[in-house]
Amino acid sequence: MLSYSGELNIYLVLIVAGTSNFIGDMFLFLLAKNNKHYAKKLMKNQQRKIAYSHILMRKYGAVVIFLQKYIYGVKTLVPLAMGLTKYDIGKFTIFNFFATIVWVLLIGIGSYILGEIVYSYTDEFKTYGLAFVVCLLLIITYFYRKI
């Protein structure tokens, strides 16, 4: 939204987001590759998600590197799980690079394009925004106390 409004440079935003995404996945992969004991300790409470990511890797192979960027909760575990296996670092780097480019184009440019829609509802949010926020906080408080 800030890029759409002209407050941020869209190209700089895309470069920073893409670089950070790529480096983050590479860090997780290398962490697991070079520190297997520590990575297993980190993932001790995530056994179900790890099993799910292994199933995805067996079933879809390299496509999982592309898909994992969009699945909440699995995004962190897939590079860790792949680092624990004998997956080639060169292949992972290449697939991660192209997956990051696709991610930046879909999410970054898609958000930029949707900025117009968000700004078209800004006036309505100014009118009804406070009531919406109060209702949302009441609902969150209610469910928080129930749990």
C-alpha atoms as a PDB file:
ATOM      1  CA  MET A   1       0.000   0.000   0.000  1.00  0.00           C
ATOM      2  CA  LEU A   2       2.774   2.418   0.838  1.00  0.00           C
ATOM      3  CA  SER A   3       4.360   1.753  -2.540  1.00  0.00           C
ATOM      4  CA  TYR A   4       1.054   2.328  -4.278  1.00  0.00           C
ATOM      5  CA  SER A   5       0.621   5.629  -2.479  1.00  0.00           C
ATOM      6  CA  GLY A   6       4.120   6.697  -3.537  1.00  0.00           C
ATOM      7  CA  GLU A   7       5.602   6.654  -0.023  1.00  0.00           C
ATOM      8  CA  LEU A   8       7.945   3.749  -0.820  1.00  0.00           C
ATOM      9  CA  ASN A   9       9.744   2.756  -3.983  1.00  0.00           C
ATOM     10  CA  ILE A  10       8.119  -0.469  -5.256  1.00  0.00           C
ATOM     11  CA  TYR A  11      11.376  -1.717  -6.779  1.00  0.00           C
ATOM     12  CA  LEU A  12      13.251  -1.304  -3.514  1.00  0.00           C
ATOM     13  CA  VAL A  13      10.446  -3.041  -1.601  1.00  0.00           C
ATOM     14  CA  LEU A  14      10.507  -5.991  -4.007  1.00  0.00           C
ATOM     15  CA  ILE A  15      14.302  -6.296  -3.833  1.00  0.00           C
ATOM     16  CA  VAL A  16      14.393  -6.156  -0.017  1.00  0.00           C
ATOM     17  CA  ALA A  17      11.502  -8.610   0.381  1.00  0.00           C
ATOM     18  CA  GLY A  18      12.942 -11.047  -2.157  1.00  0.00           C
ATOM     19  CA  THR A  19      16.453 -10.898  -0.757  1.00  0.00           C
ATOM     20  CA  SER A  20      15.217 -11.402   2.796  1.00  0.00           C
ATOM     21  CA  ASN A  21      13.005 -14.311   1.781  1.00  0.00           C
ATOM     22  CA  PHE A  22      15.837 -16.005  -0.103  1.00  0.00           C
ATOM     23  CA  ILE A  23      18.391 -15.494   2.670  1.00  0.00           C
ATOM     24  CA  GLY A  24      15.945 -16.676   5.329  1.00  0.00           C
ATOM     25  CA  ASP A  25      15.259 -19.968   3.568  1.00  0.00           C
ATOM     26  CA  MET A  26      18.941 -20.502   2.838  1.00  0.00           C
ATOM     27  CA  PHE A  27      19.793 -19.820   6.481  1.00  0.00           C
ATOM     28  CA  LEU A  28      17.261 -22.404   7.667  1.00  0.00           C
ATOM     29  CA  PHE A  29      18.478 -24.978   5.144  1.00  0.00           C
ATOM     30  CA  LEU A  30      22.137 -24.477   6.081  1.00  0.00           C
ATOM     31  CA  LEU A  31      21.325 -24.426   9.800  1.00  0.00           C
ATOM     32  CA  ALA A  32      19.771 -27.866   9.530  1.00  0.00           C
ATOM     33  CA  LYS A  33      22.460 -29.122   7.143  1.00  0.00           C
ATOM     34  CA  ASN A  34      25.360 -28.103   9.380  1.00  0.00           C
ATOM     35  CA  ASN A  35      23.760 -28.494  12.827  1.00  0.00           C
ATOM     36  CA  LYS A  36      21.491 -31.533  12.609  1.00  0.00           C
ATOM     37  CA  HIS A  37      21.310 -32.077  16.363  1.00  0.00           C
ATOM     38  CA  TYR A  38      20.329 -28.455  17.029  1.00  0.00           C
ATOM     39  CA  ALA A  39      17.775 -28.432  14.192  1.00  0.00           C
ATOM     40  CA  LYS A  40      16.142 -31.612  15.493  1.00  0.00           C
ATOM     41  CA  LYS A  41      15.961 -30.018  18.932  1.00  0.00           C
ATOM     42  CA  LEU A  42      14.315 -26.909  17.440  1.00  0.00           C
ATOM     43  CA  MET A  43      11.693 -28.987  15.644  1.00  0.00           C
ATOM     44  CA  LYS A  44      10.969 -31.354  18.522  1.00  0.00           C
ATOM     45  CA  ASN A  45       7.464 -29.958  19.117  1.00  0.00           C
ATOM     46  CA  GLN A  46       6.597 -29.780  15.413  1.00  0.00           C
ATOM     47  CA  GLN A  47       6.619 -33.486  14.552  1.00  0.00           C
ATOM     48  CA  ARG A  48       3.248 -33.430  12.769  1.00  0.00           C
ATOM     49  CA  LYS A  49       4.247 -30.546  10.507  1.00  0.00           C
ATOM     50  CA  ILE A  50       7.616 -32.147   9.814  1.00  0.00           C
ATOM     51  CA  ALA A  51       5.914 -35.382   8.789  1.00  0.00           C
ATOM     52  CA  TYR A  52       3.603 -33.363   6.544  1.00  0.00           C
ATOM     53  CA  SER A  53       6.546 -31.552   4.925  1.00  0.00           C
ATOM     54  CA  HIS A  54       8.324 -34.899   4.320  1.00  0.00           C
ATOM     55  CA  ILE A  55       5.193 -36.255   2.647  1.00  0.00           C
ATOM     56  CA  LEU A  56       5.039 -33.135   0.473  1.00  0.00           C
ATOM     57  CA  MET A  57       8.719 -33.505  -0.457  1.00  0.00           C
ATOM     58  CA  ARG A  58       8.297 -37.159  -1.465  1.00  0.00           C
ATOM     59  CA  LYS A  59       5.114 -36.508  -3.386  1.00  0.00           C
ATOM     60  CA  TYR A  60       6.035 -33.278  -5.201  1.00  0.00           C
ATOM     61  CA  GLY A  61       9.831 -33.001  -4.995  1.00  0.00           C
ATOM     62  CA  ALA A  62      11.220 -29.602  -5.963  1.00  0.00           C
ATOM     63  CA  VAL A  63       7.733 -28.129  -6.349  1.00  0.00           C
ATOM     64  CA  VAL A  64       7.541 -28.104  -2.543  1.00  0.00           C
ATOM     65  CA  ILE A  65      10.157 -25.349  -2.469  1.00  0.00           C
ATOM     66  CA  PHE A  66       7.752 -23.198  -4.485  1.00  0.00           C
ATOM     67  CA  LEU A  67       4.662 -24.201  -2.510  1.00  0.00           C
ATOM     68  CA  GLN A  68       6.169 -23.842   0.959  1.00  0.00           C
ATOM     69  CA  LYS A  69       6.425 -20.078   0.592  1.00  0.00           C
ATOM     70  CA  TYR A  70       2.626 -19.849   0.699  1.00  0.00           C
ATOM     71  CA  ILE A  71       1.698 -22.414   3.374  1.00  0.00           C
ATOM     72  CA  TYR A  72       1.643 -20.891   6.839  1.00  0.00           C
ATOM     73  CA  GLY A  73       3.346 -23.045   9.450  1.00  0.00           C
ATOM     74  CA  VAL A  74       5.200 -25.119   6.870  1.00  0.00           C
ATOM     75  CA  LYS A  75       7.305 -22.311   5.402  1.00  0.00           C
ATOM     76  CA  THR A  76       9.892 -22.516   8.156  1.00  0.00           C
ATOM     77  CA  LEU A  77       9.887 -26.267   8.490  1.00  0.00           C
ATOM     78  CA  VAL A  78      10.413 -27.265   4.847  1.00  0.00           C
ATOM     79  CA  PRO A  79      13.911 -25.737   4.530  1.00  0.00           C
ATOM     80  CA  LEU A  80      14.810 -27.210   7.928  1.00  0.00           C
ATOM     81  CA  ALA A  81      13.465 -30.635   6.969  1.00  0.00           C
ATOM     82  CA  MET A  82      15.230 -30.505   3.587  1.00  0.00           C
ATOM     83  CA  GLY A  83      18.461 -29.561   5.326  1.00  0.00           C
ATOM     84  CA  LEU A  84      18.173 -32.651   7.527  1.00  0.00           C
ATOM     85  CA  THR A  85      17.914 -34.877   4.461  1.00  0.00           C
ATOM     86  CA  LYS A  86      20.632 -35.397   1.850  1.00  0.00           C
ATOM     87  CA  TYR A  87      19.062 -32.845  -0.495  1.00  0.00           C
ATOM     88  CA  ASP A  88      21.687 -31.135  -2.652  1.00  0.00           C
ATOM     89  CA  ILE A  89      22.440 -27.548  -1.604  1.00  0.00           C
ATOM     90  CA  GLY A  90      22.974 -26.456  -5.222  1.00  0.00           C
ATOM     91  CA  LYS A  91      19.546 -27.688  -6.287  1.00  0.00           C
ATOM     92  CA  PHE A  92      17.936 -26.097  -3.249  1.00  0.00           C
ATOM     93  CA  THR A  93      19.648 -22.763  -3.963  1.00  0.00           C
ATOM     94  CA  ILE A  94      18.517 -22.706  -7.595  1.00  0.00           C
ATOM     95  CA  PHE A  95      14.934 -23.723  -6.823  1.00  0.00           C
ATOM     96  CA  ASN A  96      14.785 -21.325  -3.877  1.00  0.00           C
ATOM     97  CA  PHE A  97      16.018 -18.473  -6.084  1.00  0.00           C
ATOM     98  CA  PHE A  98      13.314 -19.004  -8.690  1.00  0.00           C
ATOM     99  CA  ALA A  99      10.661 -19.651  -6.034  1.00  0.00           C
ATOM    100  CA  THR A 100      11.597 -16.344  -4.417  1.00  0.00           C
ATOM    101  CA  ILE A 101      11.214 -14.514  -7.728  1.00  0.00           C
ATOM    102  CA  VAL A 102       7.749 -16.028  -8.227  1.00  0.00           C
ATOM    103  CA  TRP A 103       6.824 -15.171  -4.627  1.00  0.00           C
ATOM    104  CA  VAL A 104       7.954 -11.551  -5.031  1.00  0.00           C
ATOM    105  CA  LEU A 105       6.043 -11.160  -8.285  1.00  0.00           C
ATOM    106  CA  LEU A 106       2.828 -12.685  -6.953  1.00  0.00           C
ATOM    107  CA  ILE A 107       2.756 -11.179  -3.487  1.00  0.00           C
ATOM    108  CA  GLY A 108       4.599  -7.912  -4.048  1.00  0.00           C
ATOM    109  CA  ILE A 109       3.110  -6.825  -7.339  1.00  0.00           C
ATOM    110  CA  GLY A 110      -0.286  -8.277  -6.426  1.00  0.00           C
ATOM    111  CA  SER A 111      -0.327  -6.197  -3.247  1.00  0.00           C
ATOM    112  CA  TYR A 112       0.750  -3.130  -5.195  1.00  0.00           C
ATOM    113  CA  ILE A 113      -2.088  -3.602  -7.675  1.00  0.00           C
ATOM    114  CA  LEU A 114      -4.605  -4.230  -4.889  1.00  0.00           C
ATOM    115  CA  GLY A 115      -3.493  -0.986  -3.211  1.00  0.00           C
ATOM    116  CA  GLU A 116      -6.000   0.888  -5.358  1.00  0.00           C
ATOM    117  CA  ILE A 117      -8.864  -1.197  -3.967  1.00  0.00           C
ATOM    118  CA  VAL A 118      -7.720  -0.638  -0.394  1.00  0.00           C
ATOM    119  CA  TYR A 119      -7.421   3.100  -0.926  1.00  0.00           C
ATOM    120  CA  SER A 120     -10.906   3.226  -2.412  1.00  0.00           C
ATOM    121  CA  TYR A 121     -12.261   1.966   0.934  1.00  0.00           C
ATOM    122  CA  THR A 122     -10.209   4.406   3.037  1.00  0.00           C
ATOM    123  CA  ASP A 123     -13.048   6.888   3.442  1.00  0.00           C
ATOM    124  CA  GLU A 124     -15.418   4.183   4.655  1.00  0.00           C
ATOM    125  CA  PHE A 125     -12.796   2.943   7.101  1.00  0.00           C
ATOM    126  CA  LYS A 126     -12.386   6.466   8.494  1.00  0.00           C
ATOM    127  CA  THR A 127     -16.141   6.532   9.101  1.00  0.00           C
ATOM    128  CA  TYR A 128     -16.674   3.035  10.474  1.00  0.00           C
ATOM    129  CA  GLY A 129     -13.114   2.088  11.462  1.00  0.00           C
ATOM    130  CA  LEU A 130     -13.342   2.854  15.175  1.00  0.00           C
ATOM    131  CA  ALA A 131     -16.526   0.819  15.573  1.00  0.00           C
ATOM    132  CA  PHE A 132     -14.923  -2.055  13.661  1.00  0.00           C
ATOM    133  CA  VAL A 133     -11.786  -2.020  15.833  1.00  0.00           C
ATOM    134  CA  VAL A 134     -13.838  -1.927  19.061  1.00  0.00           C
ATOM    135  CA  CYS A 135     -15.983  -4.879  17.914  1.00  0.00           C
ATOM    136  CA  LEU A 136     -12.889  -6.815  16.880  1.00  0.00           C
ATOM    137  CA  LEU A 137     -11.233  -6.214  20.253  1.00  0.00           C
ATOM    138  CA  LEU A 138     -14.393  -7.341  22.086  1.00  0.00           C
ATOM    139  CA  ILE A 139     -14.538 -10.545  20.053  1.00  0.00           C
ATOM    140  CA  ILE A 140     -10.847 -11.281  20.638  1.00  0.00           C
ATOM    141  CA  THR A 141     -11.236 -10.621  24.373  1.00  0.00           C
ATOM    142  CA  TYR A 142     -14.263 -12.918  24.541  1.00  0.00           C
ATOM    143  CA  PHE A 143     -12.456 -15.821  22.858  1.00  0.00           C
ATOM    144  CA  TYR A 144      -9.272 -15.197  24.830  1.00  0.00           C
ATOM    145  CA  ARG A 145     -11.187 -15.544  28.101  1.00  0.00           C
ATOM    146  CA  LYS A 146     -12.975 -18.675  26.868  1.00  0.00           C
ATOM    147  CA  ILE A 147      -9.676 -20.402  26.213  1.00  0.00           C
END
